[in-house]
Amino acid sequence: MATCPECEFDEIETEDFEEGDTLSCPECGKQLTFLGNDEVDVADDDDDLDDDDDEEEEDEEEVADEDEDDLEDDDEDVEDE
């Protein structure tokens, strides 16, 4: 059994989970990640950081696509002249 790092509820059943699985604390409802050896960590903080990284990657891809479109437009202008 594991202990919730948020509310310190110490009866979280981890027997059916594998390392990396997410579960909710039955006492406070906080999302937790199972680390193995009856250890859990708060998952919300890690997920927020991952979401920020994903958004930055999407923004970079959009800029790259726009730059590519601009280059194609410039090529067409040269051909028209």
PDB file of N, CA and C in Angstrom:
ATOM      1  N   MET A   1       0.831  -1.176   0.000  1.00  0.00           N
ATOM      2  CA  MET A   1       0.000   0.000   0.000  1.00  0.00           C
ATOM      3  C   MET A   1       0.879   1.244   0.000  1.00  0.00           C
ATOM      4  N   ALA A   2       0.370   2.293  -0.659  1.00  0.00           N
ATOM      5  CA  ALA A   2       1.124   3.533  -0.775  1.00  0.00           C
ATOM      6  C   ALA A   2       0.436   4.651  -0.001  1.00  0.00           C
ATOM      7  N   THR A   3       1.170   5.736   0.180  1.00  0.00           N
ATOM      8  CA  THR A   3       0.659   6.911   0.878  1.00  0.00           C
ATOM      9  C   THR A   3       0.570   8.076  -0.092  1.00  0.00           C
ATOM     10  N   CYS A   4      -0.557   8.764  -0.093  1.00  0.00           N
ATOM     11  CA  CYS A   4      -0.754   9.924  -0.952  1.00  0.00           C
ATOM     12  C   CYS A   4       0.133  11.075  -0.474  1.00  0.00           C
ATOM     13  N   PRO A   5       0.935  11.644  -1.358  1.00  0.00           N
ATOM     14  CA  PRO A   5       1.785  12.763  -0.948  1.00  0.00           C
ATOM     15  C   PRO A   5       0.990  14.052  -0.709  1.00  0.00           C
ATOM     16  N   GLU A   6      -0.251  14.101  -1.181  1.00  0.00           N
ATOM     17  CA  GLU A   6      -1.078  15.295  -1.026  1.00  0.00           C
ATOM     18  C   GLU A   6      -1.801  15.319   0.321  1.00  0.00           C
ATOM     19  N   CYS A   7      -2.531  14.251   0.637  1.00  0.00           N
ATOM     20  CA  CYS A   7      -3.349  14.243   1.856  1.00  0.00           C
ATOM     21  C   CYS A   7      -2.842  13.258   2.912  1.00  0.00           C
ATOM     22  N   GLU A   8      -1.805  12.495   2.556  1.00  0.00           N
ATOM     23  CA  GLU A   8      -1.175  11.520   3.443  1.00  0.00           C
ATOM     24  C   GLU A   8      -2.077  10.336   3.795  1.00  0.00           C
ATOM     25  N   PHE A   9      -3.095  10.092   2.972  1.00  0.00           N
ATOM     26  CA  PHE A   9      -3.910   8.880   3.121  1.00  0.00           C
ATOM     27  C   PHE A   9      -2.996   7.698   2.837  1.00  0.00           C
ATOM     28  N   ASP A  10      -2.914   6.752   3.782  1.00  0.00           N
ATOM     29  CA  ASP A  10      -1.904   5.703   3.678  1.00  0.00           C
ATOM     30  C   ASP A  10      -2.442   4.318   3.344  1.00  0.00           C
ATOM     31  N   GLU A  11      -3.599   4.269   2.712  1.00  0.00           N
ATOM     32  CA  GLU A  11      -4.153   2.961   2.368  1.00  0.00           C
ATOM     33  C   GLU A  11      -4.479   2.860   0.876  1.00  0.00           C
ATOM     34  N   ILE A  12      -3.606   3.410   0.032  1.00  0.00           N
ATOM     35  CA  ILE A  12      -3.824   3.341  -1.419  1.00  0.00           C
ATOM     36  C   ILE A  12      -3.339   1.989  -1.911  1.00  0.00           C
ATOM     37  N   GLU A  13      -4.254   1.233  -2.473  1.00  0.00           N
ATOM     38  CA  GLU A  13      -3.953  -0.108  -2.981  1.00  0.00           C
ATOM     39  C   GLU A  13      -3.195   0.018  -4.304  1.00  0.00           C
ATOM     40  N   THR A  14      -1.999  -0.556  -4.378  1.00  0.00           N
ATOM     41  CA  THR A  14      -1.173  -0.464  -5.589  1.00  0.00           C
ATOM     42  C   THR A  14      -0.877  -1.823  -6.221  1.00  0.00           C
ATOM     43  N   GLU A  15      -1.451  -2.865  -5.670  1.00  0.00           N
ATOM     44  CA  GLU A  15      -1.146  -4.228  -6.103  1.00  0.00           C
ATOM     45  C   GLU A  15      -1.411  -4.460  -7.596  1.00  0.00           C
ATOM     46  N   ASP A  16      -2.469  -3.856  -8.139  1.00  0.00           N
ATOM     47  CA  ASP A  16      -2.860  -4.116  -9.528  1.00  0.00           C
ATOM     48  C   ASP A  16      -2.259  -3.128 -10.528  1.00  0.00           C
ATOM     49  N   PHE A  17      -1.347  -2.270 -10.086  1.00  0.00           N
ATOM     50  CA  PHE A  17      -0.793  -1.247 -10.966  1.00  0.00           C
ATOM     51  C   PHE A  17       0.643  -1.554 -11.344  1.00  0.00           C
ATOM     52  N   GLU A  18       1.033  -1.069 -12.542  1.00  0.00           N
ATOM     53  CA  GLU A  18       2.406  -1.190 -13.004  1.00  0.00           C
ATOM     54  C   GLU A  18       3.043   0.193 -12.981  1.00  0.00           C
ATOM     55  N   GLU A  19       4.350   0.244 -12.967  1.00  0.00           N
ATOM     56  CA  GLU A  19       5.072   1.509 -12.931  1.00  0.00           C
ATOM     57  C   GLU A  19       4.637   2.410 -14.087  1.00  0.00           C
ATOM     58  N   GLY A  20       4.317   3.661 -13.767  1.00  0.00           N
ATOM     59  CA  GLY A  20       3.882   4.622 -14.778  1.00  0.00           C
ATOM     60  C   GLY A  20       2.374   4.762 -14.881  1.00  0.00           C
ATOM     61  N   ASP A  21       1.627   3.831 -14.305  1.00  0.00           N
ATOM     62  CA  ASP A  21       0.160   3.915 -14.331  1.00  0.00           C
ATOM     63  C   ASP A  21      -0.312   5.094 -13.486  1.00  0.00           C
ATOM     64  N   THR A  22      -1.464   5.655 -13.876  1.00  0.00           N
ATOM     65  CA  THR A  22      -2.049   6.721 -13.079  1.00  0.00           C
ATOM     66  C   THR A  22      -3.257   6.183 -12.329  1.00  0.00           C
ATOM     67  N   LEU A  23      -3.471   6.737 -11.144  1.00  0.00           N
ATOM     68  CA  LEU A  23      -4.597   6.350 -10.318  1.00  0.00           C
ATOM     69  C   LEU A  23      -5.020   7.573  -9.518  1.00  0.00           C
ATOM     70  N   SER A  24      -6.183   7.487  -8.911  1.00  0.00           N
ATOM     71  CA  SER A  24      -6.683   8.584  -8.085  1.00  0.00           C
ATOM     72  C   SER A  24      -6.632   8.192  -6.620  1.00  0.00           C
ATOM     73  N   CYS A  25      -6.302   9.145  -5.790  1.00  0.00           N
ATOM     74  CA  CYS A  25      -6.347   8.909  -4.354  1.00  0.00           C
ATOM     75  C   CYS A  25      -7.811   8.777  -3.948  1.00  0.00           C
ATOM     76  N   PRO A  26      -8.184   7.692  -3.260  1.00  0.00           N
ATOM     77  CA  PRO A  26      -9.583   7.522  -2.873  1.00  0.00           C
ATOM     78  C   PRO A  26     -10.040   8.540  -1.825  1.00  0.00           C
ATOM     79  N   GLU A  27      -9.103   9.175  -1.143  1.00  0.00           N
ATOM     80  CA  GLU A  27      -9.451  10.141  -0.101  1.00  0.00           C
ATOM     81  C   GLU A  27      -9.623  11.554  -0.662  1.00  0.00           C
ATOM     82  N   CYS A  28      -8.615  12.076  -1.389  1.00  0.00           N
ATOM     83  CA  CYS A  28      -8.673  13.468  -1.857  1.00  0.00           C
ATOM     84  C   CYS A  28      -8.946  13.586  -3.352  1.00  0.00           C
ATOM     85  N   GLY A  29      -8.844  12.479  -4.093  1.00  0.00           N
ATOM     86  CA  GLY A  29      -9.139  12.494  -5.525  1.00  0.00           C
ATOM     87  C   GLY A  29      -8.000  12.972  -6.402  1.00  0.00           C
ATOM     88  N   LYS A  30      -6.856  13.274  -5.831  1.00  0.00           N
ATOM     89  CA  LYS A  30      -5.705  13.761  -6.593  1.00  0.00           C
ATOM     90  C   LYS A  30      -5.201  12.669  -7.532  1.00  0.00           C
ATOM     91  N   GLN A  31      -4.851  13.057  -8.775  1.00  0.00           N
ATOM     92  CA  GLN A  31      -4.275  12.110  -9.736  1.00  0.00           C
ATOM     93  C   GLN A  31      -2.851  11.786  -9.319  1.00  0.00           C
ATOM     94  N   LEU A  32      -2.531  10.514  -9.258  1.00  0.00           N
ATOM     95  CA  LEU A  32      -1.221  10.038  -8.828  1.00  0.00           C
ATOM     96  C   LEU A  32      -0.611   9.151  -9.897  1.00  0.00           C
ATOM     97  N   THR A  33       0.698   9.094  -9.922  1.00  0.00           N
ATOM     98  CA  THR A  33       1.425   8.183 -10.800  1.00  0.00           C
ATOM     99  C   THR A  33       2.111   7.149  -9.927  1.00  0.00           C
ATOM    100  N   PHE A  34       1.955   5.875 -10.297  1.00  0.00           N
ATOM    101  CA  PHE A  34       2.587   4.794  -9.538  1.00  0.00           C
ATOM    102  C   PHE A  34       4.043   4.680  -9.975  1.00  0.00           C
ATOM    103  N   LEU A  35       4.956   4.820  -9.016  1.00  0.00           N
ATOM    104  CA  LEU A  35       6.379   4.788  -9.309  1.00  0.00           C
ATOM    105  C   LEU A  35       7.005   3.420  -9.078  1.00  0.00           C
ATOM    106  N   GLY A  36       6.262   2.510  -8.486  1.00  0.00           N
ATOM    107  CA  GLY A  36       6.788   1.193  -8.149  1.00  0.00           C
ATOM    108  C   GLY A  36       7.115   1.128  -6.671  1.00  0.00           C
ATOM    109  N   ASN A  37       7.274  -0.088  -6.160  1.00  0.00           N
ATOM    110  CA  ASN A  37       7.614  -0.313  -4.750  1.00  0.00           C
ATOM    111  C   ASN A  37       6.693   0.450  -3.796  1.00  0.00           C
ATOM    112  N   ASP A  38       5.399   0.427  -4.076  1.00  0.00           N
ATOM    113  CA  ASP A  38       4.400   1.103  -3.243  1.00  0.00           C
ATOM    114  C   ASP A  38       4.674   2.595  -3.073  1.00  0.00           C
ATOM    115  N   GLU A  39       5.252   3.220  -4.094  1.00  0.00           N
ATOM    116  CA  GLU A  39       5.505   4.662  -4.089  1.00  0.00           C
ATOM    117  C   GLU A  39       4.626   5.313  -5.159  1.00  0.00           C
ATOM    118  N   VAL A  40       4.011   6.441  -4.799  1.00  0.00           N
ATOM    119  CA  VAL A  40       3.219   7.212  -5.755  1.00  0.00           C
ATOM    120  C   VAL A  40       3.649   8.677  -5.671  1.00  0.00           C
ATOM    121  N   ASP A  41       3.424   9.398  -6.772  1.00  0.00           N
ATOM    122  CA  ASP A  41       3.729  10.817  -6.818  1.00  0.00           C
ATOM    123  C   ASP A  41       2.547  11.527  -7.460  1.00  0.00           C
ATOM    124  N   VAL A  42       2.376  12.798  -7.189  1.00  0.00           N
ATOM    125  CA  VAL A  42       1.282  13.577  -7.760  1.00  0.00           C
ATOM    126  C   VAL A  42       1.496  13.677  -9.266  1.00  0.00           C
ATOM    127  N   ALA A  43       0.485  13.300 -10.044  1.00  0.00           N
ATOM    128  CA  ALA A  43       0.601  13.291 -11.499  1.00  0.00           C
ATOM    129  C   ALA A  43       0.248  14.629 -12.116  1.00  0.00           C
ATOM    130  N   ASP A  44      -0.590  15.435 -11.476  1.00  0.00           N
ATOM    131  CA  ASP A  44      -1.060  16.697 -12.055  1.00  0.00           C
ATOM    132  C   ASP A  44       0.082  17.632 -12.410  1.00  0.00           C
ATOM    133  N   ASP A  45       1.070  17.764 -11.536  1.00  0.00           N
ATOM    134  CA  ASP A  45       2.179  18.676 -11.786  1.00  0.00           C
ATOM    135  C   ASP A  45       2.967  18.246 -13.013  1.00  0.00           C
ATOM    136  N   ASP A  46       3.253  16.960 -13.141  1.00  0.00           N
ATOM    137  CA  ASP A  46       4.000  16.462 -14.290  1.00  0.00           C
ATOM    138  C   ASP A  46       3.199  16.622 -15.569  1.00  0.00           C
ATOM    139  N   ASP A  47       1.898  16.373 -15.508  1.00  0.00           N
ATOM    140  CA  ASP A  47       1.066  16.493 -16.699  1.00  0.00           C
ATOM    141  C   ASP A  47       1.026  17.925 -17.203  1.00  0.00           C
ATOM    142  N   ASP A  48       0.968  18.901 -16.295  1.00  0.00           N
ATOM    143  CA  ASP A  48       0.947  20.294 -16.709  1.00  0.00           C
ATOM    144  C   ASP A  48       2.220  20.648 -17.467  1.00  0.00           C
ATOM    145  N   LEU A  49       3.352  20.171 -16.990  1.00  0.00           N
ATOM    146  CA  LEU A  49       4.601  20.454 -17.676  1.00  0.00           C
ATOM    147  C   LEU A  49       4.630  19.794 -19.040  1.00  0.00           C
ATOM    148  N   ASP A  50       4.146  18.561 -19.123  1.00  0.00           N
ATOM    149  CA  ASP A  50       4.105  17.874 -20.410  1.00  0.00           C
ATOM    150  C   ASP A  50       3.194  18.592 -21.388  1.00  0.00           C
ATOM    151  N   ASP A  51       2.048  19.089 -20.921  1.00  0.00           N
ATOM    152  CA  ASP A  51       1.127  19.806 -21.793  1.00  0.00           C
ATOM    153  C   ASP A  51       1.769  21.066 -22.336  1.00  0.00           C
ATOM    154  N   ASP A  52       2.520  21.777 -21.500  1.00  0.00           N
ATOM    155  CA  ASP A  52       3.197  22.988 -21.953  1.00  0.00           C
ATOM    156  C   ASP A  52       4.198  22.649 -23.045  1.00  0.00           C
ATOM    157  N   ASP A  53       4.945  21.560 -22.872  1.00  0.00           N
ATOM    158  CA  ASP A  53       5.908  21.153 -23.885  1.00  0.00           C
ATOM    159  C   ASP A  53       5.212  20.825 -25.196  1.00  0.00           C
ATOM    160  N   ASP A  54       4.076  20.126 -25.124  1.00  0.00           N
ATOM    161  CA  ASP A  54       3.333  19.764 -26.326  1.00  0.00           C
ATOM    162  C   ASP A  54       2.855  21.009 -27.056  1.00  0.00           C
ATOM    163  N   GLU A  55       2.366  22.009 -26.306  1.00  0.00           N
ATOM    164  CA  GLU A  55       1.881  23.240 -26.922  1.00  0.00           C
ATOM    165  C   GLU A  55       3.013  23.971 -27.621  1.00  0.00           C
ATOM    166  N   GLU A  56       4.201  24.011 -27.008  1.00  0.00           N
ATOM    167  CA  GLU A  56       5.338  24.671 -27.630  1.00  0.00           C
ATOM    168  C   GLU A  56       5.722  23.974 -28.919  1.00  0.00           C
ATOM    169  N   GLU A  57       5.710  22.638 -28.930  1.00  0.00           N
ATOM    170  CA  GLU A  57       6.038  21.891 -30.133  1.00  0.00           C
ATOM    171  C   GLU A  57       5.036  22.188 -31.238  1.00  0.00           C
ATOM    172  N   GLU A  58       3.735  22.258 -30.893  1.00  0.00           N
ATOM    173  CA  GLU A  58       2.705  22.552 -31.889  1.00  0.00           C
ATOM    174  C   GLU A  58       2.912  23.949 -32.459  1.00  0.00           C
ATOM    175  N   ASP A  59       3.237  24.921 -31.608  1.00  0.00           N
ATOM    176  CA  ASP A  59       3.477  26.281 -32.068  1.00  0.00           C
ATOM    177  C   ASP A  59       4.662  26.323 -33.025  1.00  0.00           C
ATOM    178  N   GLU A  60       5.736  25.609 -32.707  1.00  0.00           N
ATOM    179  CA  GLU A  60       6.905  25.567 -33.568  1.00  0.00           C
ATOM    180  C   GLU A  60       6.567  24.937 -34.913  1.00  0.00           C
ATOM    181  N   GLU A  61       5.736  23.889 -34.911  1.00  0.00           N
ATOM    182  CA  GLU A  61       5.338  23.252 -36.159  1.00  0.00           C
ATOM    183  C   GLU A  61       4.512  24.207 -37.014  1.00  0.00           C
ATOM    184  N   GLU A  62       3.620  24.980 -36.386  1.00  0.00           N
ATOM    185  CA  GLU A  62       2.800  25.933 -37.125  1.00  0.00           C
ATOM    186  C   GLU A  62       3.669  26.994 -37.780  1.00  0.00           C
ATOM    187  N   VAL A  63       4.654  27.492 -37.061  1.00  0.00           N
ATOM    188  CA  VAL A  63       5.553  28.504 -37.611  1.00  0.00           C
ATOM    189  C   VAL A  63       6.324  27.915 -38.775  1.00  0.00           C
ATOM    190  N   ALA A  64       6.801  26.696 -38.640  1.00  0.00           N
ATOM    191  CA  ALA A  64       7.539  26.044 -39.713  1.00  0.00           C
ATOM    192  C   ALA A  64       6.656  25.871 -40.942  1.00  0.00           C
ATOM    193  N   ASP A  65       5.398  25.485 -40.755  1.00  0.00           N
ATOM    194  CA  ASP A  65       4.477  25.331 -41.870  1.00  0.00           C
ATOM    195  C   ASP A  65       4.224  26.672 -42.560  1.00  0.00           C
ATOM    196  N   GLU A  66       4.067  27.738 -41.769  1.00  0.00           N
ATOM    197  CA  GLU A  66       3.842  29.063 -42.343  1.00  0.00           C
ATOM    198  C   GLU A  66       5.050  29.515 -43.148  1.00  0.00           C
ATOM    199  N   ASP A  67       6.256  29.272 -42.634  1.00  0.00           N
ATOM    200  CA  ASP A  67       7.472  29.639 -43.351  1.00  0.00           C
ATOM    201  C   ASP A  67       7.558  28.879 -44.664  1.00  0.00           C
ATOM    202  N   GLU A  68       7.193  27.612 -44.644  1.00  0.00           N
ATOM    203  CA  GLU A  68       7.224  26.789 -45.843  1.00  0.00           C
ATOM    204  C   GLU A  68       6.227  27.315 -46.884  1.00  0.00           C
ATOM    205  N   ASP A  69       5.043  27.708 -46.423  1.00  0.00           N
ATOM    206  CA  ASP A  69       4.042  28.271 -47.326  1.00  0.00           C
ATOM    207  C   ASP A  69       4.543  29.571 -47.952  1.00  0.00           C
ATOM    208  N   ASP A  70       5.203  30.407 -47.147  1.00  0.00           N
ATOM    209  CA  ASP A  70       5.749  31.666 -47.650  1.00  0.00           C
ATOM    210  C   ASP A  70       6.786  31.404 -48.727  1.00  0.00           C
ATOM    211  N   LEU A  71       7.630  30.408 -48.526  1.00  0.00           N
ATOM    212  CA  LEU A  71       8.643  30.072 -49.526  1.00  0.00           C
ATOM    213  C   LEU A  71       7.998  29.609 -50.821  1.00  0.00           C
ATOM    214  N   GLU A  72       6.940  28.804 -50.714  1.00  0.00           N
ATOM    215  CA  GLU A  72       6.244  28.337 -51.906  1.00  0.00           C
ATOM    216  C   GLU A  72       5.615  29.510 -52.648  1.00  0.00           C
ATOM    217  N   ASP A  73       5.041  30.463 -51.922  1.00  0.00           N
ATOM    218  CA  ASP A  73       4.451  31.645 -52.540  1.00  0.00           C
ATOM    219  C   ASP A  73       5.515  32.462 -53.255  1.00  0.00           C
ATOM    220  N   ASP A  74       6.689  32.604 -52.657  1.00  0.00           N
ATOM    221  CA  ASP A  74       7.777  33.352 -53.270  1.00  0.00           C
ATOM    222  C   ASP A  74       8.228  32.673 -54.548  1.00  0.00           C
ATOM    223  N   ASP A  75       8.288  31.343 -54.569  1.00  0.00           N
ATOM    224  CA  ASP A  75       8.683  30.598 -55.763  1.00  0.00           C
ATOM    225  C   ASP A  75       7.691  30.836 -56.889  1.00  0.00           C
ATOM    226  N   GLU A  76       6.402  30.859 -56.563  1.00  0.00           N
ATOM    227  CA  GLU A  76       5.385  31.082 -57.574  1.00  0.00           C
ATOM    228  C   GLU A  76       5.492  32.488 -58.153  1.00  0.00           C
ATOM    229  N   ASP A  77       5.806  33.477 -57.330  1.00  0.00           N
ATOM    230  CA  ASP A  77       5.964  34.844 -57.791  1.00  0.00           C
ATOM    231  C   ASP A  77       7.129  34.955 -58.769  1.00  0.00           C
ATOM    232  N   VAL A  78       8.218  34.261 -58.503  1.00  0.00           N
ATOM    233  CA  VAL A  78       9.380  34.289 -59.381  1.00  0.00           C
ATOM    234  C   VAL A  78       9.054  33.664 -60.714  1.00  0.00           C
ATOM    235  N   GLU A  79       8.300  32.557 -60.704  1.00  0.00           N
ATOM    236  CA  GLU A  79       7.920  31.887 -61.941  1.00  0.00           C
ATOM    237  C   GLU A  79       6.996  32.754 -62.780  1.00  0.00           C
ATOM    238  N   ASP A  80       6.128  33.553 -62.155  1.00  0.00           N
ATOM    239  CA  ASP A  80       5.185  34.393 -62.879  1.00  0.00           C
ATOM    240  C   ASP A  80       5.875  35.536 -63.595  1.00  0.00           C
ATOM    241  N   GLU A  81       7.039  35.960 -63.143  1.00  0.00           N
ATOM    242  CA  GLU A  81       7.720  37.116 -63.742  1.00  0.00           C
ATOM    243  C   GLU A  81       8.360  36.795 -65.022  1.00  0.00           C
TER     244      GLU A  81
END
